[in-house]
Amino acid sequence: MGDFACQGVRISHPNPRVEKFYRRWWDKVNGNERSERFLNLLYRLGNVIIKRRNMKLNAQDKIKFLKTVATSDLVDDTHEVSLGKNEIPARYVFYDPTVLEVYGGALSAYTGHKVLTFKLPEALRQIIKTPKTPEEKNS
């Protein structure tokens, strides 16, 4: 379903130069694969947790980027996205919600500040503590 849902996704803009910039960015972040992964997790698990990594723009790319104007169609009052100076999103990592826990449990729902932590399965914990195969020792 993820493949079908994101089939034909492409970036377009009335200004060919701006469109070229965004298409290069799309290729850089591997947009087709990330879109498929996002939709796959959304359909299977009903929730997607994303960690975004940013990259700095060099002077030439900054000039091109500053000539573009983009806004989001969605408004999210619960979470502010902040980028540093000369930064754009460069990589998106998706986390499986089944291996994450809310730190503080039910109490965190009343504080308004939720922190997610990894919940390592026991089998993985044992591999980390006592690796047996050469692959486990090298990773």
N, C-alpha and C. Protein backbone atom coordinates (compact mmCIF):
# COMPACT_ATOMS: atom_id res chain seq x y z
N MET A 1 0.82 -1.19 0.00
CA MET A 1 0.00 0.00 0.00
C MET A 1 0.87 1.26 0.00
N GLY A 2 1.99 1.21 0.71
CA GLY A 2 2.88 2.37 0.75
C GLY A 2 3.39 2.73 -0.63
N ASP A 3 3.77 1.69 -1.41
CA ASP A 3 4.25 1.93 -2.78
C ASP A 3 3.17 2.58 -3.62
N PHE A 4 1.98 2.06 -3.51
CA PHE A 4 0.86 2.58 -4.32
C PHE A 4 0.52 4.01 -3.93
N ALA A 5 0.47 4.28 -2.63
CA ALA A 5 0.04 5.59 -2.15
C ALA A 5 1.01 6.71 -2.53
N CYS A 6 2.30 6.41 -2.60
CA CYS A 6 3.26 7.48 -2.91
C CYS A 6 3.71 7.43 -4.37
N GLN A 7 3.12 6.57 -5.15
CA GLN A 7 3.48 6.48 -6.56
C GLN A 7 3.14 7.78 -7.27
N GLY A 8 4.10 8.32 -7.99
CA GLY A 8 3.88 9.55 -8.74
C GLY A 8 4.10 10.82 -7.96
N VAL A 9 4.59 10.73 -6.73
CA VAL A 9 4.88 11.94 -5.95
C VAL A 9 6.05 12.66 -6.60
N ARG A 10 5.87 13.94 -6.87
CA ARG A 10 6.95 14.73 -7.45
C ARG A 10 6.81 16.17 -7.01
N ILE A 11 7.90 16.88 -7.03
CA ILE A 11 7.94 18.29 -6.64
C ILE A 11 7.72 19.13 -7.89
N SER A 12 6.84 20.12 -7.79
CA SER A 12 6.65 21.03 -8.92
C SER A 12 6.55 22.46 -8.39
N HIS A 13 6.96 23.39 -9.22
CA HIS A 13 6.95 24.81 -8.86
C HIS A 13 6.86 25.61 -10.15
N PRO A 14 6.16 26.75 -10.15
CA PRO A 14 6.04 27.52 -11.40
C PRO A 14 7.39 28.05 -11.90
N ASN A 15 8.32 28.29 -11.00
CA ASN A 15 9.64 28.77 -11.37
C ASN A 15 10.55 27.55 -11.60
N PRO A 16 11.03 27.33 -12.83
CA PRO A 16 11.84 26.14 -13.12
C PRO A 16 13.11 26.04 -12.27
N ARG A 17 13.69 27.19 -11.94
CA ARG A 17 14.90 27.19 -11.13
C ARG A 17 14.63 26.71 -9.70
N VAL A 18 13.53 27.18 -9.14
CA VAL A 18 13.14 26.76 -7.80
C VAL A 18 12.78 25.28 -7.81
N GLU A 19 12.05 24.85 -8.83
CA GLU A 19 11.69 23.45 -8.95
C GLU A 19 12.93 22.56 -9.02
N LYS A 20 13.93 23.01 -9.76
CA LYS A 20 15.18 22.25 -9.87
C LYS A 20 15.86 22.10 -8.50
N PHE A 21 15.86 23.21 -7.73
CA PHE A 21 16.46 23.16 -6.39
C PHE A 21 15.73 22.14 -5.52
N TYR A 22 14.39 22.21 -5.47
CA TYR A 22 13.62 21.29 -4.63
C TYR A 22 13.74 19.85 -5.10
N ARG A 23 13.83 19.64 -6.40
CA ARG A 23 13.99 18.27 -6.89
C ARG A 23 15.35 17.71 -6.51
N ARG A 24 16.39 18.57 -6.53
CA ARG A 24 17.69 18.11 -6.06
C ARG A 24 17.63 17.78 -4.57
N TRP A 25 16.94 18.61 -3.79
CA TRP A 25 16.78 18.33 -2.36
C TRP A 25 16.02 17.01 -2.16
N TRP A 26 14.97 16.79 -2.95
CA TRP A 26 14.18 15.57 -2.88
C TRP A 26 15.06 14.33 -3.12
N ASP A 27 15.94 14.42 -4.12
CA ASP A 27 16.87 13.33 -4.40
C ASP A 27 17.87 13.16 -3.26
N LYS A 28 18.34 14.26 -2.70
CA LYS A 28 19.32 14.22 -1.61
C LYS A 28 18.76 13.52 -0.38
N VAL A 29 17.50 13.80 -0.04
CA VAL A 29 16.89 13.17 1.14
C VAL A 29 16.25 11.83 0.81
N ASN A 30 16.39 11.38 -0.46
CA ASN A 30 15.81 10.11 -0.91
C ASN A 30 14.30 10.12 -0.68
N GLY A 31 13.65 11.15 -1.19
CA GLY A 31 12.24 11.40 -0.96
C GLY A 31 11.31 10.26 -1.33
N ASN A 32 11.58 9.59 -2.45
CA ASN A 32 10.70 8.48 -2.86
C ASN A 32 10.72 7.36 -1.83
N GLU A 33 11.90 6.97 -1.40
CA GLU A 33 12.02 5.87 -0.43
C GLU A 33 11.47 6.29 0.93
N ARG A 34 11.75 7.52 1.36
CA ARG A 34 11.26 8.01 2.66
C ARG A 34 9.75 8.11 2.66
N SER A 35 9.15 8.53 1.54
CA SER A 35 7.69 8.61 1.45
C SER A 35 7.07 7.24 1.58
N GLU A 36 7.66 6.26 0.91
CA GLU A 36 7.14 4.89 0.97
C GLU A 36 7.25 4.35 2.39
N ARG A 37 8.39 4.56 3.06
CA ARG A 37 8.58 4.09 4.43
C ARG A 37 7.59 4.75 5.38
N PHE A 38 7.39 6.05 5.22
CA PHE A 38 6.45 6.78 6.06
C PHE A 38 5.05 6.18 5.94
N LEU A 39 4.59 6.00 4.72
CA LEU A 39 3.24 5.47 4.51
C LEU A 39 3.13 4.02 4.96
N ASN A 40 4.18 3.23 4.75
CA ASN A 40 4.18 1.84 5.19
C ASN A 40 4.00 1.76 6.70
N LEU A 41 4.77 2.55 7.45
CA LEU A 41 4.64 2.56 8.91
C LEU A 41 3.28 3.09 9.34
N LEU A 42 2.81 4.12 8.67
CA LEU A 42 1.51 4.69 9.03
C LEU A 42 0.40 3.68 8.85
N TYR A 43 0.40 2.95 7.74
CA TYR A 43 -0.64 1.95 7.49
C TYR A 43 -0.53 0.76 8.44
N ARG A 44 0.69 0.33 8.71
CA ARG A 44 0.85 -0.86 9.56
C ARG A 44 0.65 -0.56 11.04
N LEU A 45 1.19 0.59 11.52
CA LEU A 45 1.20 0.85 12.94
C LEU A 45 0.28 1.99 13.37
N GLY A 46 -0.19 2.78 12.41
CA GLY A 46 -1.10 3.87 12.74
C GLY A 46 -0.41 5.08 13.33
N ASN A 47 0.92 5.06 13.40
CA ASN A 47 1.66 6.17 13.99
C ASN A 47 3.07 6.15 13.42
N VAL A 48 3.64 7.33 13.19
CA VAL A 48 5.00 7.42 12.67
C VAL A 48 5.77 8.42 13.52
N ILE A 49 6.90 7.99 14.04
CA ILE A 49 7.75 8.86 14.83
C ILE A 49 9.00 9.13 14.00
N ILE A 50 9.29 10.41 13.78
CA ILE A 50 10.35 10.81 12.86
C ILE A 50 11.40 11.64 13.58
N LYS A 51 12.66 11.33 13.32
CA LYS A 51 13.78 12.15 13.77
C LYS A 51 14.37 12.80 12.53
N ARG A 52 14.40 14.11 12.50
CA ARG A 52 14.92 14.84 11.36
C ARG A 52 16.35 15.29 11.64
N ARG A 53 17.21 15.11 10.66
CA ARG A 53 18.59 15.61 10.74
C ARG A 53 18.75 16.70 9.69
N ASN A 54 19.46 17.75 10.04
CA ASN A 54 19.60 18.89 9.14
C ASN A 54 21.00 18.95 8.56
N MET A 55 21.14 19.74 7.48
CA MET A 55 22.45 19.98 6.90
C MET A 55 22.61 21.48 6.68
N LYS A 56 23.84 21.92 6.72
CA LYS A 56 24.15 23.32 6.46
C LYS A 56 24.24 23.56 4.97
N LEU A 57 23.72 24.68 4.52
CA LEU A 57 23.83 25.08 3.13
C LEU A 57 25.13 25.85 2.92
N ASN A 58 25.81 25.59 1.80
CA ASN A 58 26.97 26.40 1.48
C ASN A 58 26.47 27.72 0.88
N ALA A 59 27.38 28.65 0.62
CA ALA A 59 27.00 29.99 0.17
C ALA A 59 26.20 29.96 -1.13
N GLN A 60 26.61 29.14 -2.08
CA GLN A 60 25.93 29.08 -3.37
C GLN A 60 24.52 28.52 -3.22
N ASP A 61 24.38 27.44 -2.47
CA ASP A 61 23.05 26.87 -2.26
C ASP A 61 22.16 27.80 -1.44
N LYS A 62 22.78 28.53 -0.52
CA LYS A 62 22.01 29.47 0.31
C LYS A 62 21.34 30.54 -0.56
N ILE A 63 22.07 31.05 -1.54
CA ILE A 63 21.52 32.08 -2.43
C ILE A 63 20.31 31.52 -3.18
N LYS A 64 20.43 30.31 -3.68
CA LYS A 64 19.32 29.69 -4.40
C LYS A 64 18.14 29.46 -3.46
N PHE A 65 18.44 29.00 -2.25
CA PHE A 65 17.38 28.70 -1.30
C PHE A 65 16.65 29.96 -0.86
N LEU A 66 17.36 31.05 -0.67
CA LEU A 66 16.74 32.29 -0.21
C LEU A 66 15.82 32.90 -1.26
N LYS A 67 16.00 32.52 -2.51
CA LYS A 67 15.13 33.05 -3.57
C LYS A 67 13.81 32.30 -3.63
N THR A 68 13.66 31.25 -2.86
CA THR A 68 12.44 30.45 -2.89
C THR A 68 11.55 30.80 -1.71
N VAL A 69 10.28 30.58 -1.89
CA VAL A 69 9.32 30.80 -0.82
C VAL A 69 8.44 29.56 -0.75
N ALA A 70 8.33 29.00 0.44
CA ALA A 70 7.48 27.82 0.61
C ALA A 70 6.78 27.93 1.95
N THR A 71 5.55 27.47 2.00
CA THR A 71 4.81 27.42 3.25
C THR A 71 4.15 26.06 3.36
N SER A 72 3.85 25.69 4.57
CA SER A 72 3.19 24.42 4.81
C SER A 72 1.68 24.59 4.73
N ASP A 73 1.01 23.56 4.21
CA ASP A 73 -0.45 23.57 4.18
C ASP A 73 -1.04 23.23 5.55
N LEU A 74 -0.25 22.55 6.37
CA LEU A 74 -0.73 22.09 7.66
C LEU A 74 -0.23 23.01 8.77
N VAL A 75 -1.07 23.25 9.76
CA VAL A 75 -0.68 24.06 10.91
C VAL A 75 -0.66 23.15 12.12
N ASP A 76 0.47 23.11 12.80
CA ASP A 76 0.62 22.27 13.98
C ASP A 76 1.01 23.16 15.15
N ASP A 77 0.05 23.45 16.03
CA ASP A 77 0.31 24.34 17.16
C ASP A 77 1.03 23.64 18.30
N THR A 78 1.12 22.32 18.27
CA THR A 78 1.70 21.58 19.38
C THR A 78 3.20 21.43 19.27
N HIS A 79 3.77 21.68 18.10
CA HIS A 79 5.17 21.39 17.89
C HIS A 79 5.76 22.42 16.93
N GLU A 80 6.77 23.12 17.38
CA GLU A 80 7.40 24.12 16.53
C GLU A 80 8.63 23.52 15.88
N VAL A 81 8.73 23.62 14.57
CA VAL A 81 9.89 23.13 13.85
C VAL A 81 10.89 24.26 13.77
N SER A 82 12.10 24.01 14.23
CA SER A 82 13.10 25.07 14.18
C SER A 82 14.33 24.57 13.43
N LEU A 83 14.83 25.42 12.58
CA LEU A 83 16.05 25.15 11.83
C LEU A 83 17.06 26.22 12.19
N GLY A 84 18.32 25.83 12.25
CA GLY A 84 19.37 26.80 12.49
C GLY A 84 19.62 27.63 11.24
N LYS A 85 20.48 28.59 11.37
CA LYS A 85 20.82 29.46 10.25
C LYS A 85 21.49 28.63 9.15
N ASN A 86 21.04 28.81 7.93
CA ASN A 86 21.58 28.11 6.74
C ASN A 86 21.36 26.61 6.79
N GLU A 87 20.31 26.13 7.45
CA GLU A 87 20.05 24.69 7.54
C GLU A 87 18.78 24.33 6.79
N ILE A 88 18.77 23.13 6.23
CA ILE A 88 17.58 22.53 5.64
C ILE A 88 17.52 21.09 6.07
N PRO A 89 16.33 20.47 6.08
CA PRO A 89 16.24 19.05 6.41
C PRO A 89 17.05 18.22 5.41
N ALA A 90 17.82 17.25 5.92
CA ALA A 90 18.68 16.45 5.04
C ALA A 90 18.42 14.96 5.16
N ARG A 91 17.90 14.52 6.30
CA ARG A 91 17.71 13.08 6.49
C ARG A 91 16.57 12.87 7.47
N TYR A 92 15.78 11.85 7.20
CA TYR A 92 14.66 11.51 8.07
C TYR A 92 14.80 10.07 8.52
N VAL A 93 14.77 9.85 9.84
CA VAL A 93 14.87 8.51 10.41
C VAL A 93 13.53 8.20 11.07
N PHE A 94 12.96 7.05 10.74
CA PHE A 94 11.68 6.65 11.31
C PHE A 94 11.93 5.63 12.41
N TYR A 95 11.25 5.83 13.54
CA TYR A 95 11.36 4.91 14.67
C TYR A 95 10.09 4.09 14.78
N ASP A 96 10.24 2.82 15.07
CA ASP A 96 9.11 1.92 15.27
C ASP A 96 8.48 2.24 16.63
N PRO A 97 7.22 2.66 16.66
CA PRO A 97 6.58 3.03 17.93
C PRO A 97 6.51 1.88 18.94
N THR A 98 6.61 0.64 18.48
CA THR A 98 6.52 -0.49 19.41
C THR A 98 7.77 -0.65 20.27
N VAL A 99 8.89 0.00 19.90
CA VAL A 99 10.10 -0.10 20.71
C VAL A 99 10.38 1.20 21.47
N LEU A 100 9.38 2.08 21.54
CA LEU A 100 9.52 3.34 22.28
C LEU A 100 8.54 3.38 23.43
N GLU A 101 8.96 4.03 24.50
CA GLU A 101 8.10 4.23 25.66
C GLU A 101 8.11 5.71 26.01
N VAL A 102 7.02 6.19 26.59
CA VAL A 102 6.97 7.57 27.06
C VAL A 102 7.59 7.60 28.45
N TYR A 103 8.66 8.38 28.59
CA TYR A 103 9.36 8.51 29.87
C TYR A 103 8.43 9.20 30.86
N GLY A 104 8.26 8.62 32.01
CA GLY A 104 7.37 9.18 33.02
C GLY A 104 5.98 8.57 32.99
N GLY A 105 5.72 7.71 32.01
CA GLY A 105 4.45 7.00 31.94
C GLY A 105 3.25 7.93 31.88
N ALA A 106 2.21 7.57 32.60
CA ALA A 106 0.94 8.31 32.56
C ALA A 106 1.09 9.73 33.10
N LEU A 107 2.04 9.94 34.00
CA LEU A 107 2.23 11.27 34.59
C LEU A 107 2.65 12.30 33.53
N SER A 108 3.37 11.86 32.51
CA SER A 108 3.84 12.80 31.48
C SER A 108 2.68 13.40 30.68
N ALA A 109 1.52 12.76 30.68
CA ALA A 109 0.36 13.31 29.97
C ALA A 109 -0.11 14.62 30.61
N TYR A 110 0.18 14.81 31.89
CA TYR A 110 -0.26 16.01 32.60
C TYR A 110 0.78 17.12 32.58
N THR A 111 2.00 16.80 32.22
CA THR A 111 3.05 17.82 32.22
C THR A 111 3.11 18.56 30.89
N GLY A 112 2.60 17.96 29.82
CA GLY A 112 2.67 18.59 28.51
C GLY A 112 4.02 18.43 27.84
N HIS A 113 4.93 17.70 28.44
CA HIS A 113 6.26 17.49 27.89
C HIS A 113 6.55 15.99 27.88
N LYS A 114 6.44 15.39 26.70
CA LYS A 114 6.66 13.95 26.58
C LYS A 114 8.05 13.69 26.00
N VAL A 115 8.77 12.78 26.64
CA VAL A 115 10.08 12.36 26.16
C VAL A 115 9.99 10.87 25.85
N LEU A 116 10.42 10.50 24.65
CA LEU A 116 10.39 9.10 24.25
C LEU A 116 11.73 8.45 24.53
N THR A 117 11.70 7.21 25.02
CA THR A 117 12.91 6.44 25.26
C THR A 117 12.80 5.10 24.55
N PHE A 118 13.94 4.52 24.22
CA PHE A 118 13.94 3.21 23.57
C PHE A 118 13.73 2.12 24.60
N LYS A 119 12.95 1.13 24.22
CA LYS A 119 12.71 -0.05 25.05
C LYS A 119 13.38 -1.21 24.32
N LEU A 120 14.56 -1.60 24.77
CA LEU A 120 15.30 -2.67 24.10
C LEU A 120 14.71 -4.04 24.45
N PRO A 121 14.42 -4.85 23.45
CA PRO A 121 13.96 -6.22 23.73
C PRO A 121 15.06 -7.01 24.44
N GLU A 122 14.67 -7.96 25.25
CA GLU A 122 15.62 -8.75 26.02
C GLU A 122 16.64 -9.46 25.13
N ALA A 123 16.20 -9.99 23.99
CA ALA A 123 17.12 -10.69 23.09
C ALA A 123 18.22 -9.75 22.58
N LEU A 124 17.85 -8.53 22.24
CA LEU A 124 18.84 -7.56 21.78
C LEU A 124 19.77 -7.15 22.91
N ARG A 125 19.23 -7.03 24.10
CA ARG A 125 20.05 -6.70 25.28
C ARG A 125 21.13 -7.76 25.49
N GLN A 126 20.76 -9.03 25.33
CA GLN A 126 21.72 -10.12 25.51
C GLN A 126 22.80 -10.10 24.43
N ILE A 127 22.43 -9.78 23.20
CA ILE A 127 23.42 -9.70 22.12
C ILE A 127 24.42 -8.58 22.40
N ILE A 128 23.95 -7.46 22.93
CA ILE A 128 24.84 -6.34 23.24
C ILE A 128 25.78 -6.70 24.39
N LYS A 129 25.23 -7.36 25.42
CA LYS A 129 26.04 -7.72 26.59
C LYS A 129 27.05 -8.82 26.27
N THR A 130 26.60 -9.85 25.57
CA THR A 130 27.46 -11.00 25.29
C THR A 130 27.35 -11.42 23.84
N PRO A 131 28.05 -10.72 22.94
CA PRO A 131 28.01 -11.11 21.53
C PRO A 131 28.70 -12.45 21.32
N LYS A 132 28.10 -13.30 20.47
CA LYS A 132 28.63 -14.65 20.27
C LYS A 132 29.24 -14.84 18.89
N THR A 133 28.58 -14.36 17.88
CA THR A 133 29.08 -14.55 16.51
C THR A 133 30.01 -13.39 16.13
N PRO A 134 30.85 -13.59 15.11
CA PRO A 134 31.73 -12.48 14.66
C PRO A 134 30.95 -11.25 14.21
N GLU A 135 29.77 -11.46 13.58
CA GLU A 135 28.95 -10.33 13.14
C GLU A 135 28.47 -9.51 14.34
N GLU A 136 28.06 -10.22 15.40
CA GLU A 136 27.58 -9.52 16.60
C GLU A 136 28.72 -8.76 17.27
N LYS A 137 29.93 -9.33 17.26
CA LYS A 137 31.07 -8.67 17.90
C LYS A 137 31.52 -7.44 17.12
N ASN A 138 31.38 -7.45 15.80
CA ASN A 138 31.81 -6.33 14.97
C ASN A 138 30.81 -5.21 14.87
N SER A 139 29.56 -5.46 15.27
CA SER A 139 28.55 -4.40 15.12
C SER A 139 28.37 -3.59 16.36
